[in-house]
Amino acid sequence: MYNITNSVSLTGNLGKDVEIITLDNGAKVGRTSIATNYYYKNDKGERIQEVTWHNLEAWNKTADLMSQLLKKGSLVQLEGMLKNDTYKTKEGEVRYVTKIKVNSFKILSPKEEPMPF
C-alpha cells in the first residue's frame, strides 16, 4: 500500500501582515498570503516573471510566531498542506478556496525594525 501525503513547500514574499483572529474556543488562526515567482524565457529570449498568489492559514503557536516575526514583504520558506474549503456568501453563492495550512516556516529575510528617531 502507498503512503501518500499532502505536503507543500513554498518560498516567496508575504503579501500582507499576518492577521490574527481569536475564535470563541480560544484557538487562534492567522491569515496572510504569499507570492511565489516563476521565471522563464519566451520565444524572443526575454526573461518573463510569473507571480502566483497563495492563501496561507496558520493555527495557534505557529500563527502567533508568524505574526510576531513576519511582515508584508518578508521572504519566507514554509511547509504545510493543501486545504480546500467552501463557504457561502451573503447572497447565498457557494465559493471554493484553496489554502496552505502552514505547519512550519523559516525566515529568509529578517523583519525590519523601525528607524529610531
PDB file of N, CA and C in Angstrom:
ATOM      1  N   MET A   1       0.839  -1.175   0.000  1.00  0.00           N
ATOM      2  CA  MET A   1       0.000   0.000   0.000  1.00  0.00           C
ATOM      3  C   MET A   1       0.887   1.242   0.000  1.00  0.00           C
ATOM      4  N   TYR A   2       0.450   2.272  -0.711  1.00  0.00           N
ATOM      5  CA  TYR A   2       1.214   3.504  -0.814  1.00  0.00           C
ATOM      6  C   TYR A   2       0.874   4.451   0.331  1.00  0.00           C
ATOM      7  N   ASN A   3       1.877   5.137   0.824  1.00  0.00           N
ATOM      8  CA  ASN A   3       1.694   6.167   1.838  1.00  0.00           C
ATOM      9  C   ASN A   3       1.771   7.517   1.130  1.00  0.00           C
ATOM     10  N   ILE A   4       0.635   8.084   0.795  1.00  0.00           N
ATOM     11  CA  ILE A   4       0.587   9.348   0.072  1.00  0.00           C
ATOM     12  C   ILE A   4       0.321  10.462   1.069  1.00  0.00           C
ATOM     13  N   THR A   5       1.133  11.512   0.993  1.00  0.00           N
ATOM     14  CA  THR A   5       0.965  12.632   1.911  1.00  0.00           C
ATOM     15  C   THR A   5       0.583  13.897   1.157  1.00  0.00           C
ATOM     16  N   ASN A   6      -0.005  14.809   1.849  1.00  0.00           N
ATOM     17  CA  ASN A   6      -0.382  16.110   1.331  1.00  0.00           C
ATOM     18  C   ASN A   6       0.658  17.084   1.861  1.00  0.00           C
ATOM     19  N   SER A   7       1.666  17.393   1.052  1.00  0.00           N
ATOM     20  CA  SER A   7       2.765  18.221   1.505  1.00  0.00           C
ATOM     21  C   SER A   7       3.085  19.301   0.476  1.00  0.00           C
ATOM     22  N   VAL A   8       3.267  20.534   0.978  1.00  0.00           N
ATOM     23  CA  VAL A   8       3.578  21.677   0.132  1.00  0.00           C
ATOM     24  C   VAL A   8       4.768  22.405   0.728  1.00  0.00           C
ATOM     25  N   SER A   9       5.697  22.820  -0.125  1.00  0.00           N
ATOM     26  CA  SER A   9       6.827  23.637   0.291  1.00  0.00           C
ATOM     27  C   SER A   9       6.906  24.833  -0.652  1.00  0.00           C
ATOM     28  N   LEU A  10       6.873  26.043  -0.091  1.00  0.00           N
ATOM     29  CA  LEU A  10       6.895  27.262  -0.887  1.00  0.00           C
ATOM     30  C   LEU A  10       7.943  28.231  -0.356  1.00  0.00           C
ATOM     31  N   THR A  11       8.523  28.998  -1.268  1.00  0.00           N
ATOM     32  CA  THR A  11       9.405  30.096  -0.904  1.00  0.00           C
ATOM     33  C   THR A  11       8.911  31.331  -1.636  1.00  0.00           C
ATOM     34  N   GLY A  12       8.688  32.402  -0.887  1.00  0.00           N
ATOM     35  CA  GLY A  12       8.201  33.628  -1.511  1.00  0.00           C
ATOM     36  C   GLY A  12       8.117  34.759  -0.516  1.00  0.00           C
ATOM     37  N   ASN A  13       7.444  35.832  -0.940  1.00  0.00           N
ATOM     38  CA  ASN A  13       7.300  37.032  -0.125  1.00  0.00           C
ATOM     39  C   ASN A  13       5.869  37.168   0.372  1.00  0.00           C
ATOM     40  N   LEU A  14       5.737  37.538   1.660  1.00  0.00           N
ATOM     41  CA  LEU A  14       4.408  37.754   2.235  1.00  0.00           C
ATOM     42  C   LEU A  14       3.742  38.950   1.563  1.00  0.00           C
ATOM     43  N   GLY A  15       2.469  38.791   1.213  1.00  0.00           N
ATOM     44  CA  GLY A  15       1.730  39.850   0.546  1.00  0.00           C
ATOM     45  C   GLY A  15       1.119  40.854   1.499  1.00  0.00           C
ATOM     46  N   LYS A  16       0.989  40.470   2.770  1.00  0.00           N
ATOM     47  CA  LYS A  16       0.430  41.370   3.782  1.00  0.00           C
ATOM     48  C   LYS A  16       0.833  40.867   5.154  1.00  0.00           C
ATOM     49  N   ASP A  17       0.695  41.721   6.158  1.00  0.00           N
ATOM     50  CA  ASP A  17       0.969  41.300   7.531  1.00  0.00           C
ATOM     51  C   ASP A  17      -0.008  40.193   7.927  1.00  0.00           C
ATOM     52  N   VAL A  18       0.413  39.364   8.870  1.00  0.00           N
ATOM     53  CA  VAL A  18      -0.428  38.263   9.339  1.00  0.00           C
ATOM     54  C   VAL A  18      -1.566  38.837  10.185  1.00  0.00           C
ATOM     55  N   GLU A  19      -2.794  38.454   9.850  1.00  0.00           N
ATOM     56  CA  GLU A  19      -3.980  38.872  10.597  1.00  0.00           C
ATOM     57  C   GLU A  19      -4.367  37.734  11.539  1.00  0.00           C
ATOM     58  N   ILE A  20      -4.415  38.029  12.837  1.00  0.00           N
ATOM     59  CA  ILE A  20      -4.763  37.016  13.844  1.00  0.00           C
ATOM     60  C   ILE A  20      -6.221  37.185  14.254  1.00  0.00           C
ATOM     61  N   ILE A  21      -6.949  36.077  14.272  1.00  0.00           N
ATOM     62  CA  ILE A  21      -8.331  36.048  14.747  1.00  0.00           C
ATOM     63  C   ILE A  21      -8.395  35.025  15.873  1.00  0.00           C
ATOM     64  N   THR A  22      -8.979  35.424  16.998  1.00  0.00           N
ATOM     65  CA  THR A  22      -9.172  34.503  18.116  1.00  0.00           C
ATOM     66  C   THR A  22     -10.613  34.004  18.081  1.00  0.00           C
ATOM     67  N   LEU A  23     -10.774  32.702  18.012  1.00  0.00           N
ATOM     68  CA  LEU A  23     -12.097  32.085  17.950  1.00  0.00           C
ATOM     69  C   LEU A  23     -12.724  31.993  19.335  1.00  0.00           C
ATOM     70  N   ASP A  24     -14.016  31.713  19.378  1.00  0.00           N
ATOM     71  CA  ASP A  24     -14.741  31.616  20.643  1.00  0.00           C
ATOM     72  C   ASP A  24     -14.140  30.581  21.586  1.00  0.00           C
ATOM     73  N   ASN A  25     -13.569  29.513  21.029  1.00  0.00           N
ATOM     74  CA  ASN A  25     -12.982  28.460  21.862  1.00  0.00           C
ATOM     75  C   ASN A  25     -11.555  28.770  22.304  1.00  0.00           C
ATOM     76  N   GLY A  26     -11.037  29.956  21.957  1.00  0.00           N
ATOM     77  CA  GLY A  26      -9.691  30.369  22.365  1.00  0.00           C
ATOM     78  C   GLY A  26      -8.610  30.058  21.347  1.00  0.00           C
ATOM     79  N   ALA A  27      -8.919  29.257  20.347  1.00  0.00           N
ATOM     80  CA  ALA A  27      -7.935  28.945  19.304  1.00  0.00           C
ATOM     81  C   ALA A  27      -7.659  30.193  18.478  1.00  0.00           C
ATOM     82  N   LYS A  28      -6.442  30.297  17.964  1.00  0.00           N
ATOM     83  CA  LYS A  28      -6.049  31.430  17.135  1.00  0.00           C
ATOM     84  C   LYS A  28      -5.764  30.950  15.721  1.00  0.00           C
ATOM     85  N   VAL A  29      -6.215  31.734  14.760  1.00  0.00           N
ATOM     86  CA  VAL A  29      -5.913  31.452  13.362  1.00  0.00           C
ATOM     87  C   VAL A  29      -5.286  32.712  12.767  1.00  0.00           C
ATOM     88  N   GLY A  30      -4.195  32.511  12.056  1.00  0.00           N
ATOM     89  CA  GLY A  30      -3.515  33.613  11.386  1.00  0.00           C
ATOM     90  C   GLY A  30      -3.660  33.457   9.890  1.00  0.00           C
ATOM     91  N   ARG A  31      -3.977  34.553   9.202  1.00  0.00           N
ATOM     92  CA  ARG A  31      -4.168  34.508   7.755  1.00  0.00           C
ATOM     93  C   ARG A  31      -3.302  35.547   7.079  1.00  0.00           C
ATOM     94  N   THR A  32      -2.729  35.155   5.958  1.00  0.00           N
ATOM     95  CA  THR A  32      -1.942  36.046   5.122  1.00  0.00           C
ATOM     96  C   THR A  32      -1.845  35.426   3.740  1.00  0.00           C
ATOM     97  N   SER A  33      -1.008  35.986   2.894  1.00  0.00           N
ATOM     98  CA  SER A  33      -0.796  35.421   1.564  1.00  0.00           C
ATOM     99  C   SER A  33       0.695  35.474   1.239  1.00  0.00           C
ATOM    100  N   ILE A  34       1.085  34.661   0.266  1.00  0.00           N
ATOM    101  CA  ILE A  34       2.481  34.630  -0.167  1.00  0.00           C
ATOM    102  C   ILE A  34       2.506  34.629  -1.691  1.00  0.00           C
ATOM    103  N   ALA A  35       3.473  35.353  -2.234  1.00  0.00           N
ATOM    104  CA  ALA A  35       3.673  35.394  -3.684  1.00  0.00           C
ATOM    105  C   ALA A  35       4.897  34.563  -4.022  1.00  0.00           C
ATOM    106  N   THR A  36       4.727  33.628  -4.957  1.00  0.00           N
ATOM    107  CA  THR A  36       5.862  32.853  -5.456  1.00  0.00           C
ATOM    108  C   THR A  36       6.111  33.260  -6.902  1.00  0.00           C
ATOM    109  N   ASN A  37       7.359  33.182  -7.319  1.00  0.00           N
ATOM    110  CA  ASN A  37       7.751  33.616  -8.650  1.00  0.00           C
ATOM    111  C   ASN A  37       8.276  32.454  -9.482  1.00  0.00           C
ATOM    112  N   TYR A  38       7.947  32.498 -10.746  1.00  0.00           N
ATOM    113  CA  TYR A  38       8.445  31.515 -11.713  1.00  0.00           C
ATOM    114  C   TYR A  38       9.004  32.309 -12.888  1.00  0.00           C
ATOM    115  N   TYR A  39      10.245  32.006 -13.276  1.00  0.00           N
ATOM    116  CA  TYR A  39      10.901  32.729 -14.357  1.00  0.00           C
ATOM    117  C   TYR A  39      11.170  31.786 -15.526  1.00  0.00           C
ATOM    118  N   TYR A  40      11.013  32.312 -16.734  1.00  0.00           N
ATOM    119  CA  TYR A  40      11.349  31.561 -17.937  1.00  0.00           C
ATOM    120  C   TYR A  40      11.651  32.546 -19.060  1.00  0.00           C
ATOM    121  N   LYS A  41      12.232  32.036 -20.132  1.00  0.00           N
ATOM    122  CA  LYS A  41      12.491  32.866 -21.302  1.00  0.00           C
ATOM    123  C   LYS A  41      11.484  32.525 -22.383  1.00  0.00           C
ATOM    124  N   ASN A  42      10.925  33.573 -22.997  1.00  0.00           N
ATOM    125  CA  ASN A  42       9.955  33.356 -24.070  1.00  0.00           C
ATOM    126  C   ASN A  42      10.676  33.129 -25.398  1.00  0.00           C
ATOM    127  N   ASP A  43       9.921  33.030 -26.482  1.00  0.00           N
ATOM    128  CA  ASP A  43      10.487  32.764 -27.804  1.00  0.00           C
ATOM    129  C   ASP A  43      11.470  33.832 -28.256  1.00  0.00           C
ATOM    130  N   LYS A  44      11.309  35.047 -27.749  1.00  0.00           N
ATOM    131  CA  LYS A  44      12.188  36.166 -28.116  1.00  0.00           C
ATOM    132  C   LYS A  44      13.420  36.240 -27.225  1.00  0.00           C
ATOM    133  N   GLY A  45      13.538  35.329 -26.270  1.00  0.00           N
ATOM    134  CA  GLY A  45      14.676  35.325 -25.361  1.00  0.00           C
ATOM    135  C   GLY A  45      14.522  36.277 -24.187  1.00  0.00           C
ATOM    136  N   GLU A  46      13.324  36.854 -24.037  1.00  0.00           N
ATOM    137  CA  GLU A  46      13.068  37.773 -22.939  1.00  0.00           C
ATOM    138  C   GLU A  46      12.763  36.987 -21.666  1.00  0.00           C
ATOM    139  N   ARG A  47      13.261  37.501 -20.562  1.00  0.00           N
ATOM    140  CA  ARG A  47      13.002  36.856 -19.279  1.00  0.00           C
ATOM    141  C   ARG A  47      11.615  37.276 -18.796  1.00  0.00           C
ATOM    142  N   ILE A  48      10.773  36.291 -18.534  1.00  0.00           N
ATOM    143  CA  ILE A  48       9.401  36.519 -18.102  1.00  0.00           C
ATOM    144  C   ILE A  48       9.244  36.045 -16.659  1.00  0.00           C
ATOM    145  N   GLN A  49       8.550  36.858 -15.868  1.00  0.00           N
ATOM    146  CA  GLN A  49       8.268  36.511 -14.475  1.00  0.00           C
ATOM    147  C   GLN A  49       6.770  36.283 -14.325  1.00  0.00           C
ATOM    148  N   GLU A  50       6.402  35.135 -13.782  1.00  0.00           N
ATOM    149  CA  GLU A  50       5.013  34.843 -13.454  1.00  0.00           C
ATOM    150  C   GLU A  50       4.885  34.772 -11.937  1.00  0.00           C
ATOM    151  N   VAL A  51       3.923  35.504 -11.400  1.00  0.00           N
ATOM    152  CA  VAL A  51       3.691  35.533  -9.961  1.00  0.00           C
ATOM    153  C   VAL A  51       2.407  34.756  -9.653  1.00  0.00           C
ATOM    154  N   THR A  52       2.482  33.879  -8.672  1.00  0.00           N
ATOM    155  CA  THR A  52       1.309  33.136  -8.208  1.00  0.00           C
ATOM    156  C   THR A  52       1.089  33.469  -6.742  1.00  0.00           C
ATOM    157  N   TRP A  53      -0.165  33.792  -6.396  1.00  0.00           N
ATOM    158  CA  TRP A  53      -0.525  34.100  -5.018  1.00  0.00           C
ATOM    159  C   TRP A  53      -1.157  32.886  -4.358  1.00  0.00           C
ATOM    160  N   HIS A  54      -0.788  32.660  -3.098  1.00  0.00           N
ATOM    161  CA  HIS A  54      -1.300  31.538  -2.322  1.00  0.00           C
ATOM    162  C   HIS A  54      -1.834  32.079  -0.998  1.00  0.00           C
ATOM    163  N   ASN A  55      -3.011  31.613  -0.584  1.00  0.00           N
ATOM    164  CA  ASN A  55      -3.581  31.969   0.718  1.00  0.00           C
ATOM    165  C   ASN A  55      -2.970  31.065   1.785  1.00  0.00           C
ATOM    166  N   LEU A  56      -2.567  31.670   2.905  1.00  0.00           N
ATOM    167  CA  LEU A  56      -1.961  30.915   3.998  1.00  0.00           C
ATOM    168  C   LEU A  56      -2.849  30.976   5.235  1.00  0.00           C
ATOM    169  N   GLU A  57      -2.819  29.883   5.986  1.00  0.00           N
ATOM    170  CA  GLU A  57      -3.555  29.794   7.244  1.00  0.00           C
ATOM    171  C   GLU A  57      -2.656  29.076   8.244  1.00  0.00           C
ATOM    172  N   ALA A  58      -2.460  29.677   9.412  1.00  0.00           N
ATOM    173  CA  ALA A  58      -1.656  29.067  10.471  1.00  0.00           C
ATOM    174  C   ALA A  58      -2.482  29.078  11.757  1.00  0.00           C
ATOM    175  N   TRP A  59      -2.217  28.126  12.623  1.00  0.00           N
ATOM    176  CA  TRP A  59      -3.014  27.994  13.837  1.00  0.00           C
ATOM    177  C   TRP A  59      -2.159  28.125  15.090  1.00  0.00           C
ATOM    178  N   ASN A  60      -2.743  28.709  16.115  1.00  0.00           N
ATOM    179  CA  ASN A  60      -2.216  28.788  17.475  1.00  0.00           C
ATOM    180  C   ASN A  60      -0.787  29.298  17.536  1.00  0.00           C
ATOM    181  N   LYS A  61       0.164  28.510  18.035  1.00  0.00           N
ATOM    182  CA  LYS A  61       1.540  28.981  18.243  1.00  0.00           C
ATOM    183  C   LYS A  61       2.197  29.394  16.916  1.00  0.00           C
ATOM    184  N   THR A  62       1.951  28.627  15.861  1.00  0.00           N
ATOM    185  CA  THR A  62       2.527  28.978  14.560  1.00  0.00           C
ATOM    186  C   THR A  62       1.993  30.332  14.097  1.00  0.00           C
ATOM    187  N   ALA A  63       0.694  30.572  14.299  1.00  0.00           N
ATOM    188  CA  ALA A  63       0.090  31.857  13.938  1.00  0.00           C
ATOM    189  C   ALA A  63       0.715  32.992  14.743  1.00  0.00           C
ATOM    190  N   ASP A  64       0.882  32.784  16.050  1.00  0.00           N
ATOM    191  CA  ASP A  64       1.493  33.806  16.901  1.00  0.00           C
ATOM    192  C   ASP A  64       2.914  34.125  16.446  1.00  0.00           C
ATOM    193  N   LEU A  65       3.706  33.092  16.191  1.00  0.00           N
ATOM    194  CA  LEU A  65       5.097  33.301  15.769  1.00  0.00           C
ATOM    195  C   LEU A  65       5.174  34.019  14.422  1.00  0.00           C
ATOM    196  N   MET A  66       4.333  33.616  13.492  1.00  0.00           N
ATOM    197  CA  MET A  66       4.335  34.285  12.190  1.00  0.00           C
ATOM    198  C   MET A  66       3.979  35.757  12.347  1.00  0.00           C
ATOM    199  N   SER A  67       2.994  36.052  13.186  1.00  0.00           N
ATOM    200  CA  SER A  67       2.566  37.425  13.406  1.00  0.00           C
ATOM    201  C   SER A  67       3.674  38.267  14.033  1.00  0.00           C
ATOM    202  N   GLN A  68       4.425  37.678  14.939  1.00  0.00           N
ATOM    203  CA  GLN A  68       5.496  38.392  15.637  1.00  0.00           C
ATOM    204  C   GLN A  68       6.736  38.584  14.771  1.00  0.00           C
ATOM    205  N   LEU A  69       7.046  37.590  13.933  1.00  0.00           N
ATOM    206  CA  LEU A  69       8.334  37.585  13.238  1.00  0.00           C
ATOM    207  C   LEU A  69       8.284  38.027  11.779  1.00  0.00           C
ATOM    208  N   LEU A  70       7.101  38.020  11.175  1.00  0.00           N
ATOM    209  CA  LEU A  70       6.998  38.325   9.748  1.00  0.00           C
ATOM    210  C   LEU A  70       6.161  39.571   9.510  1.00  0.00           C
ATOM    211  N   LYS A  71       6.412  40.216   8.381  1.00  0.00           N
ATOM    212  CA  LYS A  71       5.599  41.353   7.963  1.00  0.00           C
ATOM    213  C   LYS A  71       5.495  41.332   6.442  1.00  0.00           C
ATOM    214  N   LYS A  72       4.652  42.177   5.909  1.00  0.00           N
ATOM    215  CA  LYS A  72       4.483  42.276   4.468  1.00  0.00           C
ATOM    216  C   LYS A  72       5.850  42.430   3.804  1.00  0.00           C
ATOM    217  N   GLY A  73       6.095  41.610   2.788  1.00  0.00           N
ATOM    218  CA  GLY A  73       7.354  41.666   2.058  1.00  0.00           C
ATOM    219  C   GLY A  73       8.414  40.707   2.550  1.00  0.00           C
ATOM    220  N   SER A  74       8.254  40.139   3.755  1.00  0.00           N
ATOM    221  CA  SER A  74       9.254  39.204   4.291  1.00  0.00           C
ATOM    222  C   SER A  74       9.430  38.014   3.355  1.00  0.00           C
ATOM    223  N   LEU A  75      10.687  37.641   3.128  1.00  0.00           N
ATOM    224  CA  LEU A  75      10.993  36.446   2.349  1.00  0.00           C
ATOM    225  C   LEU A  75      10.988  35.264   3.304  1.00  0.00           C
ATOM    226  N   VAL A  76      10.163  34.259   2.989  1.00  0.00           N
ATOM    227  CA  VAL A  76       9.966  33.139   3.904  1.00  0.00           C
ATOM    228  C   VAL A  76       9.865  31.836   3.128  1.00  0.00           C
ATOM    229  N   GLN A  77      10.331  30.776   3.756  1.00  0.00           N
ATOM    230  CA  GLN A  77      10.162  29.419   3.233  1.00  0.00           C
ATOM    231  C   GLN A  77       9.231  28.713   4.204  1.00  0.00           C
ATOM    232  N   LEU A  78       8.209  28.049   3.671  1.00  0.00           N
ATOM    233  CA  LEU A  78       7.264  27.399   4.563  1.00  0.00           C
ATOM    234  C   LEU A  78       6.893  26.018   4.060  1.00  0.00           C
ATOM    235  N   GLU A  79       6.424  25.213   5.001  1.00  0.00           N
ATOM    236  CA  GLU A  79       5.927  23.880   4.689  1.00  0.00           C
ATOM    237  C   GLU A  79       4.554  23.731   5.298  1.00  0.00           C
ATOM    238  N   GLY A  80       3.706  23.005   4.595  1.00  0.00           N
ATOM    239  CA  GLY A  80       2.359  22.801   5.083  1.00  0.00           C
ATOM    240  C   GLY A  80       1.621  21.805   4.219  1.00  0.00           C
ATOM    241  N   MET A  81       0.300  21.939   4.215  1.00  0.00           N
ATOM    242  CA  MET A  81      -0.525  21.038   3.424  1.00  0.00           C
ATOM    243  C   MET A  81      -1.632  21.834   2.740  1.00  0.00           C
ATOM    244  N   LEU A  82      -2.106  21.316   1.616  1.00  0.00           N
ATOM    245  CA  LEU A  82      -3.220  21.940   0.907  1.00  0.00           C
ATOM    246  C   LEU A  82      -4.510  21.678   1.656  1.00  0.00           C
ATOM    247  N   LYS A  83      -5.355  22.701   1.715  1.00  0.00           N
ATOM    248  CA  LYS A  83      -6.642  22.580   2.394  1.00  0.00           C
ATOM    249  C   LYS A  83      -7.689  23.260   1.519  1.00  0.00           C
ATOM    250  N   ASN A  84      -8.727  22.528   1.145  1.00  0.00           N
ATOM    251  CA  ASN A  84      -9.818  23.068   0.341  1.00  0.00           C
ATOM    252  C   ASN A  84     -11.003  23.357   1.247  1.00  0.00           C
ATOM    253  N   ASP A  85     -11.525  24.573   1.151  1.00  0.00           N
ATOM    254  CA  ASP A  85     -12.686  24.977   1.960  1.00  0.00           C
ATOM    255  C   ASP A  85     -13.790  25.504   1.051  1.00  0.00           C
ATOM    256  N   THR A  86     -15.011  25.461   1.555  1.00  0.00           N
ATOM    257  CA  THR A  86     -16.144  26.081   0.878  1.00  0.00           C
ATOM    258  C   THR A  86     -16.848  26.991   1.870  1.00  0.00           C
ATOM    259  N   TYR A  87     -17.475  28.029   1.343  1.00  0.00           N
ATOM    260  CA  TYR A  87     -18.262  28.920   2.179  1.00  0.00           C
ATOM    261  C   TYR A  87     -19.355  29.552   1.334  1.00  0.00           C
ATOM    262  N   LYS A  88     -20.343  30.117   2.007  1.00  0.00           N
ATOM    263  CA  LYS A  88     -21.433  30.794   1.311  1.00  0.00           C
ATOM    264  C   LYS A  88     -21.300  32.303   1.505  1.00  0.00           C
ATOM    265  N   THR A  89     -21.515  33.037   0.426  1.00  0.00           N
ATOM    266  CA  THR A  89     -21.523  34.491   0.510  1.00  0.00           C
ATOM    267  C   THR A  89     -22.845  34.953   1.116  1.00  0.00           C
ATOM    268  N   LYS A  90     -22.946  36.235   1.392  1.00  0.00           N
ATOM    269  CA  LYS A  90     -24.191  36.795   1.927  1.00  0.00           C
ATOM    270  C   LYS A  90     -25.344  36.578   0.959  1.00  0.00           C
ATOM    271  N   GLU A  91     -25.015  36.500  -0.330  1.00  0.00           N
ATOM    272  CA  GLU A  91     -26.036  36.289  -1.353  1.00  0.00           C
ATOM    273  C   GLU A  91     -26.394  34.815  -1.527  1.00  0.00           C
ATOM    274  N   GLY A  92     -25.741  33.929  -0.774  1.00  0.00           N
ATOM    275  CA  GLY A  92     -26.048  32.509  -0.830  1.00  0.00           C
ATOM    276  C   GLY A  92     -25.249  31.729  -1.857  1.00  0.00           C
ATOM    277  N   GLU A  93     -24.283  32.381  -2.519  1.00  0.00           N
ATOM    278  CA  GLU A  93     -23.451  31.700  -3.507  1.00  0.00           C
ATOM    279  C   GLU A  93     -22.380  30.874  -2.804  1.00  0.00           C
ATOM    280  N   VAL A  94     -22.158  29.661  -3.291  1.00  0.00           N
ATOM    281  CA  VAL A  94     -21.116  28.801  -2.730  1.00  0.00           C
ATOM    282  C   VAL A  94     -19.793  29.155  -3.409  1.00  0.00           C
ATOM    283  N   ARG A  95     -18.772  29.389  -2.601  1.00  0.00           N
ATOM    284  CA  ARG A  95     -17.436  29.712  -3.100  1.00  0.00           C
ATOM    285  C   ARG A  95     -16.454  28.648  -2.615  1.00  0.00           C
ATOM    286  N   TYR A  96     -15.422  28.435  -3.404  1.00  0.00           N
ATOM    287  CA  TYR A  96     -14.390  27.465  -3.087  1.00  0.00           C
ATOM    288  C   TYR A  96     -13.053  28.185  -2.978  1.00  0.00           C
ATOM    289  N   VAL A  97     -12.254  27.796  -2.012  1.00  0.00           N
ATOM    290  CA  VAL A  97     -10.945  28.414  -1.829  1.00  0.00           C
ATOM    291  C   VAL A  97      -9.940  27.333  -1.419  1.00  0.00           C
ATOM    292  N   THR A  98      -8.742  27.443  -1.961  1.00  0.00           N
ATOM    293  CA  THR A  98      -7.655  26.544  -1.587  1.00  0.00           C
ATOM    294  C   THR A  98      -6.644  27.339  -0.767  1.00  0.00           C
ATOM    295  N   LYS A  99      -6.252  26.778   0.367  1.00  0.00           N
ATOM    296  CA  LYS A  99      -5.304  27.428   1.272  1.00  0.00           C
ATOM    297  C   LYS A  99      -4.134  26.497   1.532  1.00  0.00           C
ATOM    298  N   ILE A 100      -3.069  27.081   2.021  1.00  0.00           N
ATOM    299  CA  ILE A 100      -1.957  26.298   2.542  1.00  0.00           C
ATOM    300  C   ILE A 100      -2.037  26.390   4.060  1.00  0.00           C
ATOM    301  N   LYS A 101      -2.209  25.253   4.738  1.00  0.00           N
ATOM    302  CA  LYS A 101      -2.176  25.224   6.202  1.00  0.00           C
ATOM    303  C   LYS A 101      -0.709  25.100   6.602  1.00  0.00           C
ATOM    304  N   VAL A 102      -0.156  26.166   7.162  1.00  0.00           N
ATOM    305  CA  VAL A 102       1.270  26.233   7.478  1.00  0.00           C
ATOM    306  C   VAL A 102       1.575  25.425   8.731  1.00  0.00           C
ATOM    307  N   ASN A 103       2.533  24.495   8.598  1.00  0.00           N
ATOM    308  CA  ASN A 103       2.997  23.707   9.741  1.00  0.00           C
ATOM    309  C   ASN A 103       4.289  24.267  10.318  1.00  0.00           C
ATOM    310  N   SER A 104       5.158  24.787   9.428  1.00  0.00           N
ATOM    311  CA  SER A 104       6.435  25.349   9.877  1.00  0.00           C
ATOM    312  C   SER A 104       6.901  26.376   8.858  1.00  0.00           C
ATOM    313  N   PHE A 105       7.755  27.289   9.314  1.00  0.00           N
ATOM    314  CA  PHE A 105       8.295  28.297   8.413  1.00  0.00           C
ATOM    315  C   PHE A 105       9.711  28.666   8.822  1.00  0.00           C
ATOM    316  N   LYS A 106      10.443  29.203   7.863  1.00  0.00           N
ATOM    317  CA  LYS A 106      11.819  29.639   8.078  1.00  0.00           C
ATOM    318  C   LYS A 106      11.954  31.027   7.480  1.00  0.00           C
ATOM    319  N   ILE A 107      12.459  31.957   8.265  1.00  0.00           N
ATOM    320  CA  ILE A 107      12.629  33.331   7.799  1.00  0.00           C
ATOM    321  C   ILE A 107      13.902  33.404   6.960  1.00  0.00           C
ATOM    322  N   LEU A 108      13.770  33.919   5.740  1.00  0.00           N
ATOM    323  CA  LEU A 108      14.923  34.081   4.867  1.00  0.00           C
ATOM    324  C   LEU A 108      15.388  35.531   4.812  1.00  0.00           C
ATOM    325  N   SER A 109      14.516  36.464   5.189  1.00  0.00           N
ATOM    326  CA  SER A 109      14.916  37.862   5.338  1.00  0.00           C
ATOM    327  C   SER A 109      14.355  38.349   6.671  1.00  0.00           C
ATOM    328  N   PRO A 110      15.179  39.038   7.464  1.00  0.00           N
ATOM    329  CA  PRO A 110      14.710  39.460   8.782  1.00  0.00           C
ATOM    330  C   PRO A 110      13.652  40.551   8.701  1.00  0.00           C
ATOM    331  N   LYS A 111      12.824  40.594   9.741  1.00  0.00           N
ATOM    332  CA  LYS A 111      11.830  41.655   9.857  1.00  0.00           C
ATOM    333  C   LYS A 111      12.578  42.949  10.128  1.00  0.00           C
ATOM    334  N   GLU A 112      12.279  43.966   9.347  1.00  0.00           N
ATOM    335  CA  GLU A 112      12.946  45.254   9.547  1.00  0.00           C
ATOM    336  C   GLU A 112      12.360  45.951  10.756  1.00  0.00           C
ATOM    337  N   GLU A 113      13.239  46.499  11.567  1.00  0.00           N
ATOM    338  CA  GLU A 113      12.817  47.265  12.731  1.00  0.00           C
ATOM    339  C   GLU A 113      12.636  48.724  12.334  1.00  0.00           C
ATOM    340  N   PRO A 114      11.711  49.430  12.960  1.00  0.00           N
ATOM    341  CA  PRO A 114      11.550  50.846  12.656  1.00  0.00           C
ATOM    342  C   PRO A 114      12.806  51.638  13.001  1.00  0.00           C
ATOM    343  N   MET A 115      13.069  52.661  12.221  1.00  0.00           N
ATOM    344  CA  MET A 115      14.231  53.502  12.459  1.00  0.00           C
ATOM    345  C   MET A 115      13.994  54.336  13.706  1.00  0.00           C
ATOM    346  N   PRO A 116      14.963  54.334  14.659  1.00  0.00           N
ATOM    347  CA  PRO A 116      14.804  55.178  15.843  1.00  0.00           C
ATOM    348  C   PRO A 116      15.115  56.631  15.505  1.00  0.00           C
ATOM    349  N   PHE A 117      14.231  57.541  15.839  1.00  0.00           N
ATOM    350  CA  PHE A 117      14.456  58.965  15.566  1.00  0.00           C
ATOM    351  C   PHE A 117      14.451  59.745  16.848  1.00  0.00           C
TER     352      PHE A 117
END
